[in-house]
Amino acid sequence: MDKMSMSLDDIVKSAQKTKKSAREQYEEKAGKGGGKGGKGDKGGKAEKPKGGRPAPYEKPKDNKPKEKKEERPEAQPSCIVYVGNLKFDLTAEALESSMATIGKSTVELQTRSSGKPAGFALVTFEDIATATRAVSELHDKELEGRKMTVRFALPPREKGEKGSTEAAAEM
């Protein structure tokens, strides 16, 4: 049957039968016979011809468990409360007015060594009972669009202890 008397669908089907896939053409050039145990098959992927892209580097996998971060120790109740996740442009007055709903307090916004805001503050209340109430009532409450983290402050770290701001400043 000549191509002039064939329908378009028949022509496409016959072309697909005779055409090799790109994978088959690649394997033929690389000397592989389909990868099914034929001549020269090493049981792996087909080798790329010279001048091709090199195989991607694979890092050796370590079966060692990753070191976990030290978990923050539970702070004992005290008059000093840590207030985190604050906006960097928040003023001490705005935070102090928010804390005034609980009781009288003094606010100390913390800054980095560069002078930029650190995004947290230490708030000192008159007594432990007021501080406890602040932790229970203000934790996860919104202040200027952000949920505050309110918890009892940890005691200051010793110089040279991991995470100590004094040790970082001395370097």
C-alpha atoms as a PDB file:
ATOM      1  CA  MET A   1       0.000   0.000   0.000  1.00  0.00           C
ATOM      2  CA  ASP A   2       1.490   3.340  -0.992  1.00  0.00           C
ATOM      3  CA  LYS A   3       1.330   6.412   1.216  1.00  0.00           C
ATOM      4  CA  MET A   4      -0.975   8.284  -1.154  1.00  0.00           C
ATOM      5  CA  SER A   5      -3.828   5.869  -0.583  1.00  0.00           C
ATOM      6  CA  MET A   6      -3.285   5.620   3.252  1.00  0.00           C
ATOM      7  CA  SER A   7      -5.218   7.726   5.748  1.00  0.00           C
ATOM      8  CA  LEU A   8      -3.351  10.213   7.903  1.00  0.00           C
ATOM      9  CA  ASP A   9      -3.879   8.065  11.017  1.00  0.00           C
ATOM     10  CA  ASP A  10      -2.338   5.039   9.274  1.00  0.00           C
ATOM     11  CA  ILE A  11       0.707   7.090   8.237  1.00  0.00           C
ATOM     12  CA  VAL A  12       1.271   8.311  11.816  1.00  0.00           C
ATOM     13  CA  LYS A  13       0.913   4.784  13.230  1.00  0.00           C
ATOM     14  CA  SER A  14       3.417   3.325  10.772  1.00  0.00           C
ATOM     15  CA  ALA A  15       5.890   6.120  11.516  1.00  0.00           C
ATOM     16  CA  GLN A  16       5.595   5.450  15.261  1.00  0.00           C
ATOM     17  CA  LYS A  17       6.268   1.743  14.760  1.00  0.00           C
ATOM     18  CA  THR A  18       9.486   2.333  12.842  1.00  0.00           C
ATOM     19  CA  LYS A  19      10.763   5.282  14.894  1.00  0.00           C
ATOM     20  CA  LYS A  20      13.028   4.451  17.835  1.00  0.00           C
ATOM     21  CA  SER A  21      12.551   6.227  21.092  1.00  0.00           C
ATOM     22  CA  ALA A  22      15.202   8.693  22.233  1.00  0.00           C
ATOM     23  CA  ARG A  23      16.143   6.276  25.029  1.00  0.00           C
ATOM     24  CA  GLU A  24      16.664   3.415  22.552  1.00  0.00           C
ATOM     25  CA  GLN A  25      18.803   5.641  20.325  1.00  0.00           C
ATOM     26  CA  TYR A  26      20.886   6.726  23.323  1.00  0.00           C
ATOM     27  CA  GLU A  27      21.425   3.166  24.501  1.00  0.00           C
ATOM     28  CA  GLU A  28      22.377   2.081  20.992  1.00  0.00           C
ATOM     29  CA  LYS A  29      25.052   4.793  20.805  1.00  0.00           C
ATOM     30  CA  ALA A  30      26.328   3.898  24.284  1.00  0.00           C
ATOM     31  CA  GLY A  31      26.608   0.245  23.288  1.00  0.00           C
ATOM     32  CA  LYS A  32      23.762  -1.049  25.412  1.00  0.00           C
ATOM     33  CA  GLY A  33      21.209  -3.457  24.160  1.00  0.00           C
ATOM     34  CA  GLY A  34      18.180  -2.319  26.111  1.00  0.00           C
ATOM     35  CA  GLY A  35      19.633  -2.937  29.571  1.00  0.00           C
ATOM     36  CA  LYS A  36      18.223  -6.446  29.960  1.00  0.00           C
ATOM     37  CA  GLY A  37      21.402  -8.428  30.433  1.00  0.00           C
ATOM     38  CA  GLY A  38      22.573  -8.103  26.851  1.00  0.00           C
ATOM     39  CA  LYS A  39      26.114  -7.786  25.594  1.00  0.00           C
ATOM     40  CA  GLY A  40      28.160  -5.255  27.583  1.00  0.00           C
ATOM     41  CA  ASP A  41      25.461  -4.703  30.194  1.00  0.00           C
ATOM     42  CA  LYS A  42      26.943  -3.991  33.613  1.00  0.00           C
ATOM     43  CA  GLY A  43      23.603  -4.019  35.367  1.00  0.00           C
ATOM     44  CA  GLY A  44      23.488  -0.255  35.852  1.00  0.00           C
ATOM     45  CA  LYS A  45      22.532   2.800  33.897  1.00  0.00           C
ATOM     46  CA  ALA A  46      23.764   3.277  30.358  1.00  0.00           C
ATOM     47  CA  GLU A  47      27.121   4.999  30.202  1.00  0.00           C
ATOM     48  CA  LYS A  48      27.079   8.414  28.641  1.00  0.00           C
ATOM     49  CA  PRO A  49      29.209   9.000  25.590  1.00  0.00           C
ATOM     50  CA  LYS A  50      32.374  11.079  26.028  1.00  0.00           C
ATOM     51  CA  GLY A  51      31.757  14.786  26.168  1.00  0.00           C
ATOM     52  CA  GLY A  52      28.415  14.370  27.945  1.00  0.00           C
ATOM     53  CA  ARG A  53      27.453  15.969  31.192  1.00  0.00           C
ATOM     54  CA  PRO A  54      29.273  14.403  34.193  1.00  0.00           C
ATOM     55  CA  ALA A  55      27.277  12.445  36.725  1.00  0.00           C
ATOM     56  CA  PRO A  56      26.058  14.575  39.651  1.00  0.00           C
ATOM     57  CA  TYR A  57      28.118  14.381  42.816  1.00  0.00           C
ATOM     58  CA  GLU A  58      26.452  12.397  45.543  1.00  0.00           C
ATOM     59  CA  LYS A  59      27.461  13.092  49.105  1.00  0.00           C
ATOM     60  CA  PRO A  60      28.269  10.014  51.132  1.00  0.00           C
ATOM     61  CA  LYS A  61      25.476   9.326  53.554  1.00  0.00           C
ATOM     62  CA  ASP A  62      26.371   9.319  57.211  1.00  0.00           C
ATOM     63  CA  ASN A  63      24.283   7.078  59.356  1.00  0.00           C
ATOM     64  CA  LYS A  64      25.207   9.089  62.418  1.00  0.00           C
ATOM     65  CA  PRO A  65      22.278  10.675  64.227  1.00  0.00           C
ATOM     66  CA  LYS A  66      22.268  14.456  64.086  1.00  0.00           C
ATOM     67  CA  GLU A  67      23.115  16.317  67.229  1.00  0.00           C
ATOM     68  CA  LYS A  68      20.024  17.804  68.760  1.00  0.00           C
ATOM     69  CA  LYS A  69      19.966  21.384  69.903  1.00  0.00           C
ATOM     70  CA  GLU A  70      20.085  21.826  73.598  1.00  0.00           C
ATOM     71  CA  GLU A  71      16.560  22.286  74.772  1.00  0.00           C
ATOM     72  CA  ARG A  72      15.835  25.424  76.695  1.00  0.00           C
ATOM     73  CA  PRO A  73      15.752  24.604  80.393  1.00  0.00           C
ATOM     74  CA  GLU A  74      12.547  25.433  82.218  1.00  0.00           C
ATOM     75  CA  ALA A  75      12.937  28.761  83.987  1.00  0.00           C
ATOM     76  CA  GLN A  76      11.925  29.105  87.600  1.00  0.00           C
ATOM     77  CA  PRO A  77       9.212  31.682  88.331  1.00  0.00           C
ATOM     78  CA  SER A  78      10.708  35.094  89.022  1.00  0.00           C
ATOM     79  CA  CYS A  79       9.826  38.766  88.705  1.00  0.00           C
ATOM     80  CA  ILE A  80      11.623  39.002  85.356  1.00  0.00           C
ATOM     81  CA  VAL A  81       9.688  37.900  82.264  1.00  0.00           C
ATOM     82  CA  TYR A  82      10.989  37.365  78.723  1.00  0.00           C
ATOM     83  CA  VAL A  83       8.720  38.835  76.016  1.00  0.00           C
ATOM     84  CA  GLY A  84       9.689  37.728  72.509  1.00  0.00           C
ATOM     85  CA  ASN A  85       8.527  37.912  68.890  1.00  0.00           C
ATOM     86  CA  LEU A  86       8.189  41.684  69.095  1.00  0.00           C
ATOM     87  CA  LYS A  87       8.172  44.001  66.089  1.00  0.00           C
ATOM     88  CA  PHE A  88      11.519  45.708  65.648  1.00  0.00           C
ATOM     89  CA  ASP A  89       9.917  49.155  65.593  1.00  0.00           C
ATOM     90  CA  LEU A  90       7.959  48.589  68.823  1.00  0.00           C
ATOM     91  CA  THR A  91       8.562  51.258  71.483  1.00  0.00           C
ATOM     92  CA  ALA A  92       9.120  50.582  75.157  1.00  0.00           C
ATOM     93  CA  GLU A  93       6.078  52.749  75.940  1.00  0.00           C
ATOM     94  CA  ALA A  94       3.786  50.613  73.761  1.00  0.00           C
ATOM     95  CA  LEU A  95       4.991  47.419  75.449  1.00  0.00           C
ATOM     96  CA  GLU A  96       4.767  49.007  78.887  1.00  0.00           C
ATOM     97  CA  SER A  97       1.145  50.042  78.276  1.00  0.00           C
ATOM     98  CA  SER A  98       0.358  46.466  77.213  1.00  0.00           C
ATOM     99  CA  MET A  99       1.979  45.111  80.390  1.00  0.00           C
ATOM    100  CA  ALA A 100       0.116  47.682  82.514  1.00  0.00           C
ATOM    101  CA  THR A 101      -3.077  45.616  82.066  1.00  0.00           C
ATOM    102  CA  ILE A 102      -1.448  43.035  84.373  1.00  0.00           C
ATOM    103  CA  GLY A 103       0.392  45.257  86.843  1.00  0.00           C
ATOM    104  CA  LYS A 104       3.159  47.774  87.360  1.00  0.00           C
ATOM    105  CA  SER A 105       6.317  46.900  85.434  1.00  0.00           C
ATOM    106  CA  THR A 106       9.508  48.236  83.881  1.00  0.00           C
ATOM    107  CA  VAL A 107      10.400  47.342  80.292  1.00  0.00           C
ATOM    108  CA  GLU A 108      13.909  46.958  78.890  1.00  0.00           C
ATOM    109  CA  LEU A 109      13.920  46.466  75.105  1.00  0.00           C
ATOM    110  CA  GLN A 110      17.008  44.486  74.104  1.00  0.00           C
ATOM    111  CA  THR A 111      19.328  45.437  71.238  1.00  0.00           C
ATOM    112  CA  ARG A 112      22.042  43.588  69.335  1.00  0.00           C
ATOM    113  CA  SER A 113      25.691  44.591  69.565  1.00  0.00           C
ATOM    114  CA  SER A 114      25.141  46.493  66.291  1.00  0.00           C
ATOM    115  CA  GLY A 115      22.523  48.642  68.004  1.00  0.00           C
ATOM    116  CA  LYS A 116      19.619  47.168  66.047  1.00  0.00           C
ATOM    117  CA  PRO A 117      16.545  45.904  67.924  1.00  0.00           C
ATOM    118  CA  ALA A 118      16.688  42.243  68.967  1.00  0.00           C
ATOM    119  CA  GLY A 119      12.921  41.688  68.869  1.00  0.00           C
ATOM    120  CA  PHE A 120      12.539  40.848  72.557  1.00  0.00           C
ATOM    121  CA  ALA A 121      12.385  42.567  75.910  1.00  0.00           C
ATOM    122  CA  LEU A 122      12.865  41.802  79.580  1.00  0.00           C
ATOM    123  CA  VAL A 123       9.992  43.024  81.715  1.00  0.00           C
ATOM    124  CA  THR A 124      10.371  43.284  85.489  1.00  0.00           C
ATOM    125  CA  PHE A 125       7.200  43.079  87.589  1.00  0.00           C
ATOM    126  CA  GLU A 126       6.787  44.068  91.254  1.00  0.00           C
ATOM    127  CA  ASP A 127       6.274  40.496  92.470  1.00  0.00           C
ATOM    128  CA  ILE A 128       6.284  36.876  91.285  1.00  0.00           C
ATOM    129  CA  ALA A 129       2.488  36.586  91.453  1.00  0.00           C
ATOM    130  CA  THR A 130       2.043  39.431  88.953  1.00  0.00           C
ATOM    131  CA  ALA A 131       4.739  37.977  86.692  1.00  0.00           C
ATOM    132  CA  THR A 132       3.030  34.560  86.818  1.00  0.00           C
ATOM    133  CA  ARG A 133      -0.248  36.177  85.848  1.00  0.00           C
ATOM    134  CA  ALA A 134       1.466  37.974  82.933  1.00  0.00           C
ATOM    135  CA  VAL A 135       2.928  34.687  81.638  1.00  0.00           C
ATOM    136  CA  SER A 136      -0.411  32.892  81.812  1.00  0.00           C
ATOM    137  CA  GLU A 137      -2.542  35.715  80.369  1.00  0.00           C
ATOM    138  CA  LEU A 138      -0.273  37.347  77.772  1.00  0.00           C
ATOM    139  CA  HIS A 139       1.472  34.345  76.159  1.00  0.00           C
ATOM    140  CA  ASP A 140       0.364  34.067  72.491  1.00  0.00           C
ATOM    141  CA  LYS A 141      -1.610  37.345  72.688  1.00  0.00           C
ATOM    142  CA  GLU A 142      -1.236  39.756  69.777  1.00  0.00           C
ATOM    143  CA  LEU A 143       0.614  43.036  70.083  1.00  0.00           C
ATOM    144  CA  GLU A 144       0.728  45.183  66.937  1.00  0.00           C
ATOM    145  CA  GLY A 145      -0.076  42.192  64.719  1.00  0.00           C
ATOM    146  CA  ARG A 146       2.373  39.655  66.216  1.00  0.00           C
ATOM    147  CA  LYS A 147       1.819  36.950  68.812  1.00  0.00           C
ATOM    148  CA  MET A 148       4.023  37.583  71.825  1.00  0.00           C
ATOM    149  CA  THR A 149       6.014  34.829  73.477  1.00  0.00           C
ATOM    150  CA  VAL A 150       5.815  35.461  77.204  1.00  0.00           C
ATOM    151  CA  ARG A 151       7.690  33.235  79.669  1.00  0.00           C
ATOM    152  CA  PHE A 152       9.867  33.495  82.732  1.00  0.00           C
ATOM    153  CA  ALA A 153      13.362  34.729  81.915  1.00  0.00           C
ATOM    154  CA  LEU A 154      16.356  32.474  82.337  1.00  0.00           C
ATOM    155  CA  PRO A 155      19.220  33.686  84.504  1.00  0.00           C
ATOM    156  CA  PRO A 156      21.998  35.415  82.533  1.00  0.00           C
ATOM    157  CA  ARG A 157      24.624  33.099  81.047  1.00  0.00           C
ATOM    158  CA  GLU A 158      28.176  33.010  82.316  1.00  0.00           C
ATOM    159  CA  LYS A 159      30.946  34.488  80.163  1.00  0.00           C
ATOM    160  CA  GLY A 160      32.171  31.973  77.622  1.00  0.00           C
ATOM    161  CA  GLU A 161      29.053  29.797  77.902  1.00  0.00           C
ATOM    162  CA  LYS A 162      27.457  28.820  74.577  1.00  0.00           C
ATOM    163  CA  GLY A 163      25.151  31.602  73.423  1.00  0.00           C
ATOM    164  CA  SER A 164      26.586  34.153  75.814  1.00  0.00           C
ATOM    165  CA  THR A 165      26.450  37.697  74.434  1.00  0.00           C
ATOM    166  CA  GLU A 166      29.565  38.694  76.396  1.00  0.00           C
ATOM    167  CA  ALA A 167      31.636  35.943  74.760  1.00  0.00           C
ATOM    168  CA  ALA A 168      30.517  37.059  71.290  1.00  0.00           C
ATOM    169  CA  ALA A 169      31.294  40.700  72.071  1.00  0.00           C
ATOM    170  CA  GLU A 170      34.867  39.865  73.147  1.00  0.00           C
ATOM    171  CA  MET A 171      35.729  38.156  69.840  1.00  0.00           C
END
